[in-house]
Amino acid sequence: MNISAYPDEFARRAASVLGATIEASVIVREHGVSLRAGSSTASAARCDQAESMANSGPCIAAMDQHSVRVVPEISEAAGWVAWRDQSLREGYSSALAVPALVGDGIAVALNLYSRSPDPWTPELLTAADGYAQLIASMVRVHMELAELEDVTAGLYRHMSDALVTERAVGAIMHTNECSEDEARRILESASHHRNVGQREVAETILRALVDVDVPGQEEQGSTA
């Protein structure tokens, strides 16, 4: 199973365009499951992983409330203890979270980190929103392509519930850098509290973040 690299690439592009001192990370939220999907640096990744595991932070709030969250001083942020403490350990001073809708029950947020205080100008906010919308579009396209490949090649629909769940657990473990028990808890909690079938949640995670392995693809590539 290969976790797709496109969220990392878009996080790196966002960081490079928005400013030399900006670092970026992307969280995907699907039916209550929050996953750190991609990051421009290891420091930004650790902050978003802490936020995802705690299910609390500016990105989560931005997606839940459908509004931008500006954190001028991370040290003064209240209520987001795990994210705040990790961000301060990484040396960040200020942060910005910009949400974008992917589809029903699915959203992304672009989390931007700065080691200097409150650099969020109106121009930067506009550019960040554009990148967040672009990332949401790419997630949407990736999911649509995965669904099309599933229909034509018979991938996930031919898998047992157990196998789909196991693959989703593996994806959660990889993106959030958590244990198997924690990944299962996240998946089961989302299914229970959102009244959505566990298989549906698992398939959506796979379509959003995992590159599809089409049967026979490797053999075709080796004989080309």
N, C-alpha and C. Protein backbone atom coordinates (compact mmCIF):
# COMPACT_ATOMS: atom_id res chain seq x y z
N MET A 1 0.85 -1.19 0.00
CA MET A 1 0.00 0.00 0.00
C MET A 1 0.88 1.24 0.00
N ASN A 2 0.64 2.14 -0.97
CA ASN A 2 1.42 3.35 -1.09
C ASN A 2 0.58 4.58 -0.75
N ILE A 3 1.00 5.31 0.28
CA ILE A 3 0.34 6.57 0.61
C ILE A 3 0.70 7.59 -0.46
N SER A 4 -0.30 8.25 -1.02
CA SER A 4 -0.05 9.19 -2.12
C SER A 4 0.82 10.35 -1.67
N ALA A 5 1.67 10.82 -2.58
CA ALA A 5 2.61 11.90 -2.26
C ALA A 5 2.05 13.27 -2.61
N TYR A 6 0.87 13.34 -3.24
CA TYR A 6 0.42 14.65 -3.72
C TYR A 6 0.14 15.66 -2.60
N PRO A 7 -0.37 15.24 -1.40
CA PRO A 7 -0.55 16.26 -0.35
C PRO A 7 0.78 16.86 0.12
N ASP A 8 1.83 16.04 0.19
CA ASP A 8 3.16 16.56 0.55
C ASP A 8 3.62 17.58 -0.48
N GLU A 9 3.42 17.25 -1.75
CA GLU A 9 3.86 18.14 -2.81
C GLU A 9 3.14 19.48 -2.75
N PHE A 10 1.82 19.46 -2.51
CA PHE A 10 1.08 20.71 -2.44
C PHE A 10 1.43 21.50 -1.19
N ALA A 11 1.73 20.82 -0.10
CA ALA A 11 2.16 21.53 1.11
C ALA A 11 3.50 22.23 0.85
N ARG A 12 4.42 21.55 0.17
CA ARG A 12 5.71 22.16 -0.15
C ARG A 12 5.55 23.36 -1.08
N ARG A 13 4.66 23.22 -2.07
CA ARG A 13 4.44 24.33 -3.00
C ARG A 13 3.82 25.53 -2.28
N ALA A 14 2.85 25.26 -1.44
CA ALA A 14 2.21 26.35 -0.69
C ALA A 14 3.24 27.09 0.16
N ALA A 15 4.09 26.34 0.85
CA ALA A 15 5.10 26.97 1.70
C ALA A 15 6.08 27.80 0.88
N SER A 16 6.50 27.29 -0.27
CA SER A 16 7.49 28.00 -1.08
C SER A 16 6.92 29.27 -1.69
N VAL A 17 5.62 29.26 -2.02
CA VAL A 17 5.00 30.42 -2.64
C VAL A 17 4.59 31.47 -1.61
N LEU A 18 4.13 31.02 -0.44
CA LEU A 18 3.55 31.94 0.53
C LEU A 18 4.60 32.68 1.35
N GLY A 19 5.84 32.20 1.36
CA GLY A 19 6.87 32.94 2.08
C GLY A 19 8.00 32.06 2.53
N ALA A 20 9.21 32.63 2.54
CA ALA A 20 10.40 31.85 2.87
C ALA A 20 10.38 31.35 4.31
N THR A 21 9.65 32.04 5.18
CA THR A 21 9.62 31.64 6.60
C THR A 21 8.38 30.82 6.95
N ILE A 22 7.56 30.50 5.95
CA ILE A 22 6.32 29.77 6.18
C ILE A 22 6.53 28.27 5.98
N GLU A 23 5.99 27.48 6.89
CA GLU A 23 5.96 26.02 6.74
C GLU A 23 4.50 25.58 6.73
N ALA A 24 4.20 24.52 5.98
CA ALA A 24 2.81 24.17 5.74
C ALA A 24 2.54 22.70 5.98
N SER A 25 1.29 22.43 6.36
CA SER A 25 0.85 21.05 6.54
C SER A 25 -0.63 20.98 6.17
N VAL A 26 -1.06 19.78 5.78
CA VAL A 26 -2.44 19.58 5.32
C VAL A 26 -3.10 18.50 6.15
N ILE A 27 -4.30 18.80 6.64
CA ILE A 27 -5.10 17.80 7.34
C ILE A 27 -6.36 17.51 6.51
N VAL A 28 -6.67 16.24 6.36
CA VAL A 28 -7.92 15.82 5.74
C VAL A 28 -8.84 15.30 6.84
N ARG A 29 -10.07 15.77 6.85
CA ARG A 29 -11.05 15.36 7.86
C ARG A 29 -12.22 14.69 7.16
N GLU A 30 -12.44 13.42 7.48
CA GLU A 30 -13.46 12.62 6.79
C GLU A 30 -14.36 11.95 7.81
N HIS A 31 -15.63 12.38 7.87
CA HIS A 31 -16.59 11.81 8.82
C HIS A 31 -16.01 11.73 10.24
N GLY A 32 -15.30 12.78 10.63
CA GLY A 32 -14.76 12.85 11.98
C GLY A 32 -13.37 12.29 12.15
N VAL A 33 -12.81 11.64 11.11
CA VAL A 33 -11.45 11.12 11.17
C VAL A 33 -10.51 12.20 10.64
N SER A 34 -9.58 12.64 11.48
CA SER A 34 -8.61 13.67 11.09
C SER A 34 -7.27 13.03 10.80
N LEU A 35 -6.73 13.27 9.59
CA LEU A 35 -5.48 12.66 9.18
C LEU A 35 -4.52 13.73 8.67
N ARG A 36 -3.30 13.69 9.17
CA ARG A 36 -2.26 14.56 8.63
C ARG A 36 -1.87 13.97 7.26
N ALA A 37 -2.21 14.69 6.19
CA ALA A 37 -2.06 14.14 4.85
C ALA A 37 -0.72 14.48 4.20
N GLY A 38 -0.20 15.67 4.46
CA GLY A 38 1.05 16.07 3.82
C GLY A 38 1.64 17.29 4.51
N SER A 39 2.97 17.45 4.42
CA SER A 39 3.64 18.56 5.11
C SER A 39 4.87 18.98 4.33
N SER A 40 5.24 20.24 4.50
CA SER A 40 6.45 20.75 3.83
C SER A 40 7.70 20.45 4.64
N THR A 41 7.55 20.27 5.96
CA THR A 41 8.69 19.97 6.82
C THR A 41 8.28 18.96 7.89
N ALA A 42 9.28 18.32 8.49
CA ALA A 42 9.00 17.35 9.57
C ALA A 42 8.41 18.05 10.79
N SER A 43 8.82 19.29 11.04
CA SER A 43 8.29 20.03 12.19
C SER A 43 6.80 20.29 12.04
N ALA A 44 6.40 20.75 10.85
CA ALA A 44 4.99 21.00 10.59
C ALA A 44 4.19 19.70 10.66
N ALA A 45 4.79 18.61 10.19
CA ALA A 45 4.11 17.31 10.24
C ALA A 45 3.84 16.89 11.68
N ARG A 46 4.82 17.07 12.56
CA ARG A 46 4.64 16.66 13.95
C ARG A 46 3.53 17.47 14.63
N CYS A 47 3.43 18.74 14.27
CA CYS A 47 2.37 19.57 14.86
C CYS A 47 0.99 19.09 14.41
N ASP A 48 0.85 18.82 13.12
CA ASP A 48 -0.45 18.37 12.62
C ASP A 48 -0.78 16.95 13.07
N GLN A 49 0.23 16.13 13.27
CA GLN A 49 -0.03 14.80 13.82
C GLN A 49 -0.54 14.90 15.25
N ALA A 50 0.05 15.81 16.03
CA ALA A 50 -0.44 16.03 17.40
C ALA A 50 -1.88 16.53 17.38
N GLU A 51 -2.18 17.42 16.44
CA GLU A 51 -3.54 17.95 16.32
C GLU A 51 -4.52 16.85 15.91
N SER A 52 -4.12 16.03 14.94
CA SER A 52 -4.99 14.96 14.47
C SER A 52 -5.29 13.95 15.56
N MET A 53 -4.26 13.57 16.31
CA MET A 53 -4.45 12.56 17.35
C MET A 53 -5.31 13.09 18.50
N ALA A 54 -5.17 14.39 18.80
CA ALA A 54 -5.98 15.00 19.86
C ALA A 54 -7.36 15.40 19.35
N ASN A 55 -7.50 15.44 18.02
CA ASN A 55 -8.73 15.90 17.38
C ASN A 55 -9.10 17.30 17.87
N SER A 56 -8.07 18.13 18.02
CA SER A 56 -8.27 19.47 18.56
C SER A 56 -7.14 20.38 18.10
N GLY A 57 -7.51 21.51 17.52
CA GLY A 57 -6.51 22.46 17.06
C GLY A 57 -7.13 23.40 16.05
N PRO A 58 -6.36 24.35 15.52
CA PRO A 58 -6.93 25.35 14.62
C PRO A 58 -7.47 24.77 13.32
N CYS A 59 -6.80 23.74 12.78
CA CYS A 59 -7.29 23.12 11.54
C CYS A 59 -8.64 22.44 11.78
N ILE A 60 -8.75 21.71 12.88
CA ILE A 60 -10.00 21.03 13.20
C ILE A 60 -11.12 22.05 13.38
N ALA A 61 -10.82 23.12 14.13
CA ALA A 61 -11.82 24.16 14.36
C ALA A 61 -12.20 24.86 13.06
N ALA A 62 -11.21 25.11 12.20
CA ALA A 62 -11.49 25.77 10.92
C ALA A 62 -12.42 24.94 10.05
N MET A 63 -12.18 23.62 10.01
CA MET A 63 -13.04 22.75 9.20
C MET A 63 -14.42 22.60 9.81
N ASP A 64 -14.49 22.49 11.13
CA ASP A 64 -15.79 22.34 11.79
C ASP A 64 -16.65 23.59 11.64
N GLN A 65 -16.00 24.76 11.70
CA GLN A 65 -16.73 26.03 11.68
C GLN A 65 -16.74 26.71 10.30
N HIS A 66 -16.07 26.07 9.34
CA HIS A 66 -16.03 26.60 7.97
C HIS A 66 -15.53 28.03 7.92
N SER A 67 -14.50 28.30 8.70
CA SER A 67 -13.95 29.65 8.72
C SER A 67 -12.46 29.61 9.03
N VAL A 68 -11.76 30.63 8.55
CA VAL A 68 -10.31 30.74 8.78
C VAL A 68 -10.05 30.97 10.26
N ARG A 69 -9.02 30.32 10.78
CA ARG A 69 -8.60 30.55 12.17
C ARG A 69 -7.18 31.10 12.18
N VAL A 70 -7.03 32.30 12.69
CA VAL A 70 -5.72 32.93 12.83
C VAL A 70 -5.27 32.79 14.28
N VAL A 71 -4.04 32.35 14.47
CA VAL A 71 -3.46 32.23 15.81
C VAL A 71 -2.25 33.16 15.86
N PRO A 72 -2.44 34.42 16.25
CA PRO A 72 -1.33 35.39 16.23
C PRO A 72 -0.19 34.98 17.15
N GLU A 73 -0.55 34.43 18.34
CA GLU A 73 0.45 33.98 19.32
C GLU A 73 0.08 32.58 19.78
N ILE A 74 0.84 31.60 19.33
CA ILE A 74 0.54 30.22 19.70
C ILE A 74 0.61 30.02 21.20
N SER A 75 1.51 30.71 21.86
CA SER A 75 1.67 30.54 23.31
C SER A 75 0.42 30.94 24.09
N GLU A 76 -0.42 31.75 23.48
CA GLU A 76 -1.63 32.21 24.14
C GLU A 76 -2.88 31.43 23.72
N ALA A 77 -2.71 30.44 22.84
CA ALA A 77 -3.85 29.65 22.37
C ALA A 77 -4.37 28.77 23.50
N ALA A 78 -5.65 28.86 23.75
CA ALA A 78 -6.26 28.09 24.84
C ALA A 78 -7.12 26.97 24.28
N GLY A 79 -7.09 25.82 24.95
CA GLY A 79 -7.96 24.72 24.59
C GLY A 79 -7.38 23.73 23.60
N TRP A 80 -6.25 24.05 22.99
CA TRP A 80 -5.61 23.16 22.02
C TRP A 80 -4.25 22.73 22.59
N VAL A 81 -4.27 22.08 23.71
CA VAL A 81 -3.05 21.85 24.49
C VAL A 81 -2.01 21.04 23.72
N ALA A 82 -2.41 19.88 23.17
CA ALA A 82 -1.44 19.01 22.48
C ALA A 82 -0.83 19.72 21.29
N TRP A 83 -1.67 20.38 20.48
CA TRP A 83 -1.16 21.09 19.30
C TRP A 83 -0.30 22.27 19.72
N ARG A 84 -0.77 23.05 20.70
CA ARG A 84 -0.03 24.23 21.14
C ARG A 84 1.35 23.84 21.68
N ASP A 85 1.39 22.84 22.53
CA ASP A 85 2.66 22.45 23.14
C ASP A 85 3.64 21.93 22.08
N GLN A 86 3.14 21.14 21.14
CA GLN A 86 4.02 20.62 20.08
C GLN A 86 4.52 21.75 19.20
N SER A 87 3.65 22.69 18.88
CA SER A 87 4.05 23.83 18.04
C SER A 87 5.12 24.67 18.72
N LEU A 88 4.98 24.88 20.02
CA LEU A 88 6.00 25.65 20.75
C LEU A 88 7.31 24.89 20.82
N ARG A 89 7.23 23.56 20.99
CA ARG A 89 8.46 22.75 21.00
C ARG A 89 9.19 22.86 19.66
N GLU A 90 8.44 22.99 18.58
CA GLU A 90 9.06 23.10 17.25
C GLU A 90 9.58 24.50 16.97
N GLY A 91 9.29 25.45 17.87
CA GLY A 91 9.80 26.81 17.70
C GLY A 91 8.90 27.76 16.93
N TYR A 92 7.63 27.38 16.74
CA TYR A 92 6.71 28.25 16.01
C TYR A 92 6.13 29.32 16.93
N SER A 93 5.85 30.48 16.34
CA SER A 93 5.29 31.59 17.10
C SER A 93 3.84 31.86 16.74
N SER A 94 3.49 31.64 15.45
CA SER A 94 2.18 32.00 14.96
C SER A 94 1.70 30.97 13.95
N ALA A 95 0.36 30.88 13.77
CA ALA A 95 -0.19 29.88 12.85
C ALA A 95 -1.47 30.40 12.20
N LEU A 96 -1.81 29.76 11.10
CA LEU A 96 -3.01 30.10 10.35
C LEU A 96 -3.60 28.81 9.80
N ALA A 97 -4.92 28.63 9.92
CA ALA A 97 -5.60 27.45 9.40
C ALA A 97 -6.69 27.89 8.44
N VAL A 98 -6.63 27.37 7.22
CA VAL A 98 -7.58 27.76 6.17
C VAL A 98 -8.31 26.51 5.67
N PRO A 99 -9.64 26.43 5.84
CA PRO A 99 -10.38 25.24 5.44
C PRO A 99 -10.88 25.30 4.00
N ALA A 100 -11.19 24.14 3.46
CA ALA A 100 -11.83 24.06 2.14
C ALA A 100 -12.62 22.77 2.08
N LEU A 101 -13.78 22.84 1.46
CA LEU A 101 -14.68 21.69 1.39
C LEU A 101 -14.31 20.82 0.19
N VAL A 102 -14.23 19.50 0.44
CA VAL A 102 -13.99 18.52 -0.62
C VAL A 102 -15.32 17.96 -1.12
N GLY A 103 -16.17 17.54 -0.20
CA GLY A 103 -17.46 16.96 -0.54
C GLY A 103 -18.23 16.69 0.73
N ASP A 104 -19.32 15.97 0.61
CA ASP A 104 -20.18 15.69 1.75
C ASP A 104 -19.40 14.96 2.84
N GLY A 105 -19.25 15.61 4.00
CA GLY A 105 -18.57 15.00 5.13
C GLY A 105 -17.06 14.99 5.03
N ILE A 106 -16.50 15.63 4.00
CA ILE A 106 -15.05 15.59 3.78
C ILE A 106 -14.53 17.01 3.57
N ALA A 107 -13.48 17.37 4.30
CA ALA A 107 -12.89 18.71 4.17
C ALA A 107 -11.38 18.61 4.33
N VAL A 108 -10.70 19.66 3.92
CA VAL A 108 -9.26 19.77 4.16
C VAL A 108 -9.00 21.10 4.84
N ALA A 109 -7.84 21.21 5.45
CA ALA A 109 -7.39 22.50 5.98
C ALA A 109 -5.89 22.63 5.74
N LEU A 110 -5.51 23.80 5.29
CA LEU A 110 -4.09 24.13 5.12
C LEU A 110 -3.63 24.84 6.38
N ASN A 111 -2.70 24.23 7.10
CA ASN A 111 -2.17 24.80 8.33
C ASN A 111 -0.82 25.43 8.01
N LEU A 112 -0.69 26.72 8.27
CA LEU A 112 0.55 27.43 8.01
C LEU A 112 1.20 27.83 9.33
N TYR A 113 2.51 27.63 9.40
CA TYR A 113 3.27 27.92 10.61
C TYR A 113 4.35 28.95 10.33
N SER A 114 4.55 29.84 11.30
CA SER A 114 5.59 30.85 11.18
C SER A 114 6.38 30.94 12.49
N ARG A 115 7.68 31.14 12.37
CA ARG A 115 8.52 31.32 13.56
C ARG A 115 8.62 32.80 13.94
N SER A 116 8.03 33.66 13.11
CA SER A 116 7.95 35.09 13.45
C SER A 116 6.51 35.42 13.81
N PRO A 117 6.29 36.46 14.60
CA PRO A 117 4.94 36.76 15.08
C PRO A 117 4.01 37.32 14.01
N ASP A 118 2.83 36.73 13.91
CA ASP A 118 1.68 37.24 13.15
C ASP A 118 2.03 37.85 11.79
N PRO A 119 2.48 37.03 10.84
CA PRO A 119 2.83 37.57 9.52
C PRO A 119 1.66 37.55 8.54
N TRP A 120 0.43 37.30 9.02
CA TRP A 120 -0.70 36.99 8.15
C TRP A 120 -1.35 38.26 7.58
N THR A 121 -0.81 38.75 6.50
CA THR A 121 -1.35 39.93 5.82
C THR A 121 -2.60 39.54 5.03
N PRO A 122 -3.43 40.51 4.64
CA PRO A 122 -4.60 40.20 3.80
C PRO A 122 -4.21 39.49 2.50
N GLU A 123 -3.09 39.91 1.92
CA GLU A 123 -2.64 39.28 0.67
C GLU A 123 -2.27 37.82 0.90
N LEU A 124 -1.61 37.53 2.01
CA LEU A 124 -1.24 36.15 2.32
C LEU A 124 -2.48 35.30 2.61
N LEU A 125 -3.46 35.88 3.30
CA LEU A 125 -4.69 35.17 3.59
C LEU A 125 -5.41 34.79 2.30
N THR A 126 -5.44 35.68 1.35
CA THR A 126 -6.09 35.41 0.06
C THR A 126 -5.35 34.30 -0.69
N ALA A 127 -4.02 34.36 -0.69
CA ALA A 127 -3.24 33.34 -1.37
C ALA A 127 -3.39 31.98 -0.69
N ALA A 128 -3.42 31.98 0.64
CA ALA A 128 -3.58 30.72 1.38
C ALA A 128 -4.93 30.08 1.09
N ASP A 129 -5.96 30.90 0.99
CA ASP A 129 -7.28 30.38 0.66
C ASP A 129 -7.27 29.75 -0.73
N GLY A 130 -6.59 30.37 -1.66
CA GLY A 130 -6.48 29.81 -3.00
C GLY A 130 -5.81 28.45 -3.00
N TYR A 131 -4.74 28.31 -2.21
CA TYR A 131 -4.05 27.02 -2.13
C TYR A 131 -4.91 25.97 -1.43
N ALA A 132 -5.64 26.38 -0.40
CA ALA A 132 -6.52 25.43 0.29
C ALA A 132 -7.59 24.91 -0.67
N GLN A 133 -8.17 25.80 -1.47
CA GLN A 133 -9.17 25.37 -2.45
C GLN A 133 -8.56 24.45 -3.50
N LEU A 134 -7.33 24.74 -3.90
CA LEU A 134 -6.65 23.89 -4.87
C LEU A 134 -6.39 22.50 -4.31
N ILE A 135 -5.96 22.44 -3.06
CA ILE A 135 -5.72 21.15 -2.42
C ILE A 135 -7.02 20.35 -2.32
N ALA A 136 -8.11 21.03 -1.96
CA ALA A 136 -9.41 20.36 -1.89
C ALA A 136 -9.80 19.81 -3.26
N SER A 137 -9.53 20.56 -4.31
CA SER A 137 -9.84 20.09 -5.66
C SER A 137 -9.02 18.85 -6.02
N MET A 138 -7.76 18.84 -5.61
CA MET A 138 -6.92 17.68 -5.91
C MET A 138 -7.37 16.45 -5.14
N VAL A 139 -7.77 16.64 -3.88
CA VAL A 139 -8.30 15.51 -3.11
C VAL A 139 -9.56 14.97 -3.78
N ARG A 140 -10.42 15.88 -4.25
CA ARG A 140 -11.66 15.48 -4.92
C ARG A 140 -11.34 14.68 -6.19
N VAL A 141 -10.41 15.16 -6.98
CA VAL A 141 -10.04 14.48 -8.22
C VAL A 141 -9.43 13.11 -7.91
N HIS A 142 -8.56 13.07 -6.91
CA HIS A 142 -7.93 11.80 -6.53
C HIS A 142 -8.98 10.78 -6.12
N MET A 143 -9.97 11.21 -5.37
CA MET A 143 -11.03 10.30 -4.93
C MET A 143 -11.89 9.85 -6.10
N GLU A 144 -12.19 10.77 -7.02
CA GLU A 144 -13.00 10.40 -8.19
C GLU A 144 -12.26 9.41 -9.08
N LEU A 145 -10.96 9.60 -9.26
CA LEU A 145 -10.18 8.66 -10.06
C LEU A 145 -10.11 7.29 -9.39
N ALA A 146 -9.94 7.31 -8.06
CA ALA A 146 -9.89 6.04 -7.33
C ALA A 146 -11.21 5.30 -7.44
N GLU A 147 -12.32 6.06 -7.38
CA GLU A 147 -13.63 5.43 -7.51
C GLU A 147 -13.83 4.86 -8.91
N LEU A 148 -13.37 5.59 -9.93
CA LEU A 148 -13.48 5.11 -11.30
C LEU A 148 -12.65 3.85 -11.51
N GLU A 149 -11.44 3.84 -10.97
CA GLU A 149 -10.59 2.65 -11.09
C GLU A 149 -11.19 1.48 -10.34
N ASP A 150 -11.87 1.78 -9.23
CA ASP A 150 -12.54 0.73 -8.47
C ASP A 150 -13.65 0.09 -9.31
N VAL A 151 -14.41 0.94 -10.00
CA VAL A 151 -15.51 0.44 -10.83
C VAL A 151 -14.98 -0.40 -11.99
N THR A 152 -13.93 0.07 -12.65
CA THR A 152 -13.44 -0.62 -13.84
C THR A 152 -12.58 -1.84 -13.51
N ALA A 153 -11.81 -1.76 -12.42
CA ALA A 153 -10.90 -2.87 -12.09
C ALA A 153 -11.41 -3.75 -10.96
N GLY A 154 -12.48 -3.31 -10.28
CA GLY A 154 -13.02 -4.12 -9.20
C GLY A 154 -12.08 -4.27 -8.04
N LEU A 155 -11.69 -3.15 -7.44
CA LEU A 155 -10.70 -3.19 -6.37
C LEU A 155 -11.37 -3.28 -5.00
N TYR A 156 -11.71 -2.11 -4.41
CA TYR A 156 -12.25 -2.12 -3.06
C TYR A 156 -13.56 -2.89 -2.98
N ARG A 157 -14.40 -2.81 -4.02
CA ARG A 157 -15.70 -3.48 -3.95
C ARG A 157 -15.57 -4.99 -3.92
N HIS A 158 -14.41 -5.51 -4.32
CA HIS A 158 -14.18 -6.94 -4.26
C HIS A 158 -13.44 -7.37 -2.99
N MET A 159 -13.04 -6.38 -2.19
CA MET A 159 -12.35 -6.69 -0.94
C MET A 159 -13.37 -6.99 0.16
N SER A 160 -12.98 -7.81 1.09
CA SER A 160 -13.83 -8.05 2.26
C SER A 160 -13.82 -6.83 3.15
N ASP A 161 -14.82 -6.72 4.02
CA ASP A 161 -14.86 -5.62 4.98
C ASP A 161 -13.60 -5.60 5.83
N ALA A 162 -13.13 -6.79 6.21
CA ALA A 162 -11.95 -6.89 7.07
C ALA A 162 -10.72 -6.34 6.38
N LEU A 163 -10.55 -6.65 5.08
CA LEU A 163 -9.36 -6.20 4.35
C LEU A 163 -9.39 -4.69 4.13
N VAL A 164 -10.55 -4.14 3.78
CA VAL A 164 -10.67 -2.69 3.60
C VAL A 164 -10.34 -1.99 4.91
N THR A 165 -10.86 -2.52 6.01
CA THR A 165 -10.60 -1.92 7.32
C THR A 165 -9.12 -1.98 7.66
N GLU A 166 -8.47 -3.13 7.41
CA GLU A 166 -7.05 -3.27 7.72
C GLU A 166 -6.22 -2.27 6.94
N ARG A 167 -6.56 -2.08 5.67
CA ARG A 167 -5.81 -1.12 4.87
C ARG A 167 -6.01 0.31 5.37
N ALA A 168 -7.23 0.64 5.78
CA ALA A 168 -7.49 1.97 6.31
C ALA A 168 -6.75 2.18 7.62
N VAL A 169 -6.71 1.16 8.46
CA VAL A 169 -5.95 1.24 9.71
C VAL A 169 -4.48 1.51 9.41
N GLY A 170 -3.95 0.83 8.41
CA GLY A 170 -2.56 1.06 8.02
C GLY A 170 -2.32 2.47 7.54
N ALA A 171 -3.28 3.03 6.79
CA ALA A 171 -3.15 4.41 6.31
C ALA A 171 -3.17 5.40 7.47
N ILE A 172 -4.05 5.17 8.43
CA ILE A 172 -4.13 6.04 9.61
C ILE A 172 -2.83 5.97 10.41
N MET A 173 -2.31 4.77 10.60
CA MET A 173 -1.05 4.60 11.33
C MET A 173 0.08 5.37 10.65
N HIS A 174 0.11 5.30 9.31
CA HIS A 174 1.18 5.95 8.55
C HIS A 174 1.08 7.48 8.63
N THR A 175 -0.12 8.01 8.37
CA THR A 175 -0.26 9.47 8.30
C THR A 175 -0.18 10.14 9.66
N ASN A 176 -0.75 9.49 10.68
CA ASN A 176 -0.76 10.10 12.02
C ASN A 176 0.37 9.59 12.91
N GLU A 177 1.17 8.64 12.39
CA GLU A 177 2.27 8.04 13.15
C GLU A 177 1.78 7.58 14.53
N CYS A 178 0.75 6.74 14.51
CA CYS A 178 0.17 6.24 15.75
C CYS A 178 0.20 4.72 15.76
N SER A 179 -0.16 4.14 16.89
CA SER A 179 -0.18 2.68 17.02
C SER A 179 -1.40 2.09 16.32
N GLU A 180 -1.36 0.78 16.14
CA GLU A 180 -2.50 0.10 15.53
C GLU A 180 -3.75 0.26 16.38
N ASP A 181 -3.60 0.12 17.69
CA ASP A 181 -4.76 0.27 18.59
C ASP A 181 -5.36 1.66 18.48
N GLU A 182 -4.52 2.70 18.40
CA GLU A 182 -5.02 4.07 18.27
C GLU A 182 -5.73 4.26 16.94
N ALA A 183 -5.17 3.69 15.86
CA ALA A 183 -5.79 3.82 14.54
C ALA A 183 -7.16 3.14 14.52
N ARG A 184 -7.26 1.98 15.13
CA ARG A 184 -8.56 1.28 15.18
C ARG A 184 -9.58 2.09 16.00
N ARG A 185 -9.10 2.68 17.07
CA ARG A 185 -10.00 3.48 17.90
C ARG A 185 -10.54 4.68 17.12
N ILE A 186 -9.68 5.32 16.35
CA ILE A 186 -10.09 6.47 15.54
C ILE A 186 -11.15 6.05 14.53
N LEU A 187 -10.92 4.94 13.85
CA LEU A 187 -11.84 4.46 12.83
C LEU A 187 -13.19 4.06 13.44
N GLU A 188 -13.12 3.32 14.53
CA GLU A 188 -14.35 2.86 15.18
C GLU A 188 -15.13 4.03 15.76
N SER A 189 -14.43 5.00 16.33
CA SER A 189 -15.10 6.16 16.92
C SER A 189 -15.82 6.98 15.86
N ALA A 190 -15.18 7.16 14.70
CA ALA A 190 -15.81 7.92 13.62
C ALA A 190 -17.07 7.23 13.14
N SER A 191 -17.00 5.93 12.97
CA SER A 191 -18.16 5.16 12.50
C SER A 191 -19.29 5.23 13.50
N HIS A 192 -18.98 5.13 14.77
CA HIS A 192 -20.00 5.09 15.82
C HIS A 192 -20.67 6.46 15.99
N HIS A 193 -19.85 7.50 16.13
CA HIS A 193 -20.40 8.81 16.46
C HIS A 193 -21.02 9.51 15.27
N ARG A 194 -20.59 9.18 14.06
CA ARG A 194 -21.14 9.83 12.87
C ARG A 194 -22.24 8.99 12.22
N ASN A 195 -22.53 7.83 12.79
CA ASN A 195 -23.58 6.95 12.25
C ASN A 195 -23.31 6.61 10.79
N VAL A 196 -22.06 6.32 10.49
CA VAL A 196 -21.63 5.94 9.15
C VAL A 196 -20.96 4.58 9.26
N GLY A 197 -21.22 3.70 8.30
CA GLY A 197 -20.62 2.37 8.33
C GLY A 197 -19.11 2.43 8.32
N GLN A 198 -18.48 1.55 9.08
CA GLN A 198 -17.02 1.55 9.18
C GLN A 198 -16.38 1.31 7.82
N ARG A 199 -17.00 0.46 6.99
CA ARG A 199 -16.43 0.21 5.67
C ARG A 199 -16.46 1.49 4.83
N GLU A 200 -17.56 2.25 4.91
CA GLU A 200 -17.66 3.50 4.14
C GLU A 200 -16.56 4.47 4.55
N VAL A 201 -16.34 4.61 5.85
CA VAL A 201 -15.28 5.50 6.33
C VAL A 201 -13.93 5.00 5.84
N ALA A 202 -13.69 3.69 5.93
CA ALA A 202 -12.41 3.11 5.52
C ALA A 202 -12.16 3.31 4.04
N GLU A 203 -13.17 3.07 3.20
CA GLU A 203 -13.01 3.24 1.76
C GLU A 203 -12.70 4.69 1.41
N THR A 204 -13.36 5.63 2.07
CA THR A 204 -13.13 7.04 1.77
C THR A 204 -11.71 7.44 2.12
N ILE A 205 -11.20 6.94 3.24
CA ILE A 205 -9.81 7.20 3.62
C ILE A 205 -8.86 6.69 2.55
N LEU A 206 -9.10 5.47 2.09
CA LEU A 206 -8.22 4.87 1.08
C LEU A 206 -8.27 5.64 -0.23
N ARG A 207 -9.47 6.04 -0.64
CA ARG A 207 -9.59 6.76 -1.92
C ARG A 207 -8.94 8.13 -1.86
N ALA A 208 -8.96 8.75 -0.67
CA ALA A 208 -8.39 10.10 -0.54
C ALA A 208 -6.88 10.09 -0.46
N LEU A 209 -6.30 9.06 0.18
CA LEU A 209 -4.88 9.14 0.54
C LEU A 209 -3.99 8.02 0.02
N VAL A 210 -4.59 6.99 -0.58
CA VAL A 210 -3.78 5.84 -1.00
C VAL A 210 -3.80 5.72 -2.52
N ASP A 211 -2.62 5.51 -3.11
CA ASP A 211 -2.55 5.26 -4.54
C ASP A 211 -3.09 3.88 -4.84
N VAL A 212 -3.96 3.80 -5.83
CA VAL A 212 -4.61 2.54 -6.17
C VAL A 212 -3.63 1.60 -6.85
N ASP A 213 -3.59 0.37 -6.40
CA ASP A 213 -2.80 -0.68 -7.03
C ASP A 213 -3.72 -1.51 -7.91
N VAL A 214 -3.70 -1.23 -9.21
CA VAL A 214 -4.57 -1.97 -10.12
C VAL A 214 -3.98 -3.34 -10.39
N PRO A 215 -4.78 -4.43 -10.28
CA PRO A 215 -4.27 -5.76 -10.55
C PRO A 215 -3.65 -5.85 -11.94
N GLY A 216 -2.45 -6.41 -12.01
CA GLY A 216 -1.76 -6.57 -13.28
C GLY A 216 -0.94 -5.38 -13.70
N GLN A 217 -1.04 -4.27 -12.93
CA GLN A 217 -0.33 -3.04 -13.31
C GLN A 217 1.17 -3.25 -13.27
N GLU A 218 1.67 -3.91 -12.22
CA GLU A 218 3.11 -4.12 -12.09
C GLU A 218 3.62 -5.00 -13.21
N GLU A 219 2.81 -6.06 -13.55
CA GLU A 219 3.24 -6.96 -14.61
C GLU A 219 3.33 -6.24 -15.93
N GLN A 220 2.33 -5.31 -16.21
CA GLN A 220 2.35 -4.57 -17.45
C GLN A 220 3.57 -3.68 -17.51
N GLY A 221 3.86 -3.03 -16.37
CA GLY A 221 5.01 -2.13 -16.35
C GLY A 221 6.31 -2.87 -16.56
N SER A 222 6.42 -4.11 -16.06
CA SER A 222 7.67 -4.85 -16.16
C SER A 222 7.92 -5.37 -17.56
N THR A 223 6.83 -5.47 -18.39
CA THR A 223 7.02 -6.00 -19.74
C THR A 223 7.04 -4.90 -20.79
N ALA A 224 6.82 -3.66 -20.31
CA ALA A 224 6.77 -2.55 -21.29
C ALA A 224 8.15 -2.26 -21.83
